[in-house]
């Protein structure tokens, strides 16, 4: 099965809220543009079973990362079970995301 024929309703959405401060002292000025850039970069290399949603984290009461399947929130444990089906570990997944975002930030500012 390829990404082209993996059912959209079976993909897990990873909603990541990007802190403007992660982009430096002026991050609030361009966090929305960065999120669009990051989403394109992440989706281009995403596994066939993941859909990314990168948005600014403007409300600190919202969690940084949220998982959804068919528009329903998943607990962290359920997200881990979902990833395990594909041979992925949640801790590794989160570590890879952190590394990828760091690289994307560097790419964004280097362009």
Protein backbone atom coordinates (compact mmCIF):
# COMPACT_ATOMS: atom_id res chain seq x y z
CA UNK A 1 0.00 0.00 0.00
CA UNK A 2 1.29 3.46 -0.88
CA UNK A 3 0.48 6.90 0.46
CA UNK A 4 -1.70 7.49 -2.59
CA UNK A 5 -4.07 4.67 -1.75
CA UNK A 6 -3.91 4.70 2.06
CA UNK A 7 -7.43 5.68 3.16
CA UNK A 8 -7.59 9.29 4.41
CA UNK A 9 -9.97 8.30 7.22
CA UNK A 10 -7.38 5.82 8.54
CA UNK A 11 -4.56 8.36 8.74
CA UNK A 12 -3.70 9.74 12.15
CA UNK A 13 -3.58 13.52 12.28
CA UNK A 14 -0.75 14.92 14.34
CA UNK A 15 -1.68 18.43 15.43
CA UNK A 16 1.43 20.26 16.55
CA UNK A 17 1.16 23.72 18.03
CA UNK A 18 4.35 25.69 17.42
CA UNK A 19 5.44 28.12 20.10
CA UNK A 20 6.22 31.53 18.55
CA UNK A 21 9.11 31.86 21.02
CA UNK A 22 10.75 28.79 19.45
CA UNK A 23 11.46 30.99 16.46
CA UNK A 24 13.28 33.66 18.45
CA UNK A 25 12.24 36.92 20.06
CA UNK A 26 10.34 38.06 16.94
CA UNK A 27 8.73 34.66 16.36
CA UNK A 28 5.19 35.94 16.79
CA UNK A 29 5.62 38.00 13.61
CA UNK A 30 6.16 34.99 11.37
CA UNK A 31 4.96 31.92 13.26
CA UNK A 32 1.93 31.50 10.96
CA UNK A 33 4.11 31.59 7.82
CA UNK A 34 6.58 29.20 9.45
CA UNK A 35 3.78 26.76 10.32
CA UNK A 36 2.68 26.63 6.67
CA UNK A 37 6.28 26.07 5.60
CA UNK A 38 6.83 23.37 8.23
CA UNK A 39 3.62 21.58 7.33
CA UNK A 40 4.65 21.31 3.67
CA UNK A 41 8.12 20.06 4.67
CA UNK A 42 6.81 17.49 7.16
CA UNK A 43 4.04 16.20 4.89
CA UNK A 44 6.53 15.73 2.05
CA UNK A 45 8.45 13.18 4.11
CA UNK A 46 5.58 11.83 6.21
CA UNK A 47 4.75 8.20 6.53
CA UNK A 48 1.69 7.20 4.53
CA UNK A 49 -0.37 6.87 7.72
CA UNK A 50 0.28 10.39 9.09
CA UNK A 51 -1.35 13.71 8.26
CA UNK A 52 0.30 16.81 9.72
CA UNK A 53 -1.39 19.94 11.03
CA UNK A 54 1.17 22.50 12.17
CA UNK A 55 -0.40 25.61 13.72
CA UNK A 56 0.75 28.48 15.94
CA UNK A 57 0.34 27.88 19.67
CA UNK A 58 -1.36 31.10 20.61
CA UNK A 59 -3.28 29.65 23.56
CA UNK A 60 -0.92 28.23 26.18
CA UNK A 61 -3.76 26.25 27.74
CA UNK A 62 -3.77 23.94 24.70
CA UNK A 63 -1.37 21.03 24.61
CA UNK A 64 1.60 21.23 22.26
CA UNK A 65 0.83 17.98 20.45
CA UNK A 66 -2.51 16.31 19.89
CA UNK A 67 -3.41 13.15 18.01
CA UNK A 68 -6.66 12.58 16.13
CA UNK A 69 -8.19 9.79 14.10
CA UNK A 70 -11.37 10.44 12.12
CA UNK A 71 -11.63 13.87 13.82
CA UNK A 72 -11.65 12.26 17.29
CA UNK A 73 -8.94 13.01 19.84
CA UNK A 74 -6.72 10.10 20.77
CA UNK A 75 -5.04 9.67 24.12
CA UNK A 76 -1.27 9.44 24.06
CA UNK A 77 -1.60 5.72 24.80
CA UNK A 78 -3.96 5.22 21.83
CA UNK A 79 -1.62 7.20 19.56
CA UNK A 80 1.21 4.93 20.70
CA UNK A 81 -0.88 1.87 19.86
CA UNK A 82 -1.68 3.30 16.43
CA UNK A 83 2.02 3.92 15.71
CA UNK A 84 2.94 0.45 16.98
CA UNK A 85 0.78 -1.08 14.24
CA UNK A 86 3.28 0.45 11.80
CA UNK A 87 6.33 -0.60 13.81
CA UNK A 88 6.86 2.89 15.24
CA UNK A 89 7.44 3.87 18.87
CA UNK A 90 5.79 7.05 20.22
CA UNK A 91 8.94 8.26 22.01
CA UNK A 92 10.99 7.78 18.82
CA UNK A 93 8.26 9.49 16.78
CA UNK A 94 8.30 12.53 19.08
CA UNK A 95 12.11 12.63 19.06
CA UNK A 96 12.14 12.52 15.25
CA UNK A 97 9.57 15.32 15.11
CA UNK A 98 11.71 17.46 17.39
CA UNK A 99 14.79 16.82 15.22
CA UNK A 100 12.85 17.50 12.02
CA UNK A 101 11.42 20.75 13.37
CA UNK A 102 14.89 21.89 14.36
CA UNK A 103 16.12 21.20 10.82
CA UNK A 104 13.07 22.95 9.34
CA UNK A 105 13.66 26.02 11.54
CA UNK A 106 17.26 26.15 10.29
CA UNK A 107 16.08 25.71 6.71
CA UNK A 108 13.42 28.42 7.13
CA UNK A 109 15.90 30.98 8.41
CA UNK A 110 18.56 29.93 5.92
CA UNK A 111 16.45 30.45 2.82
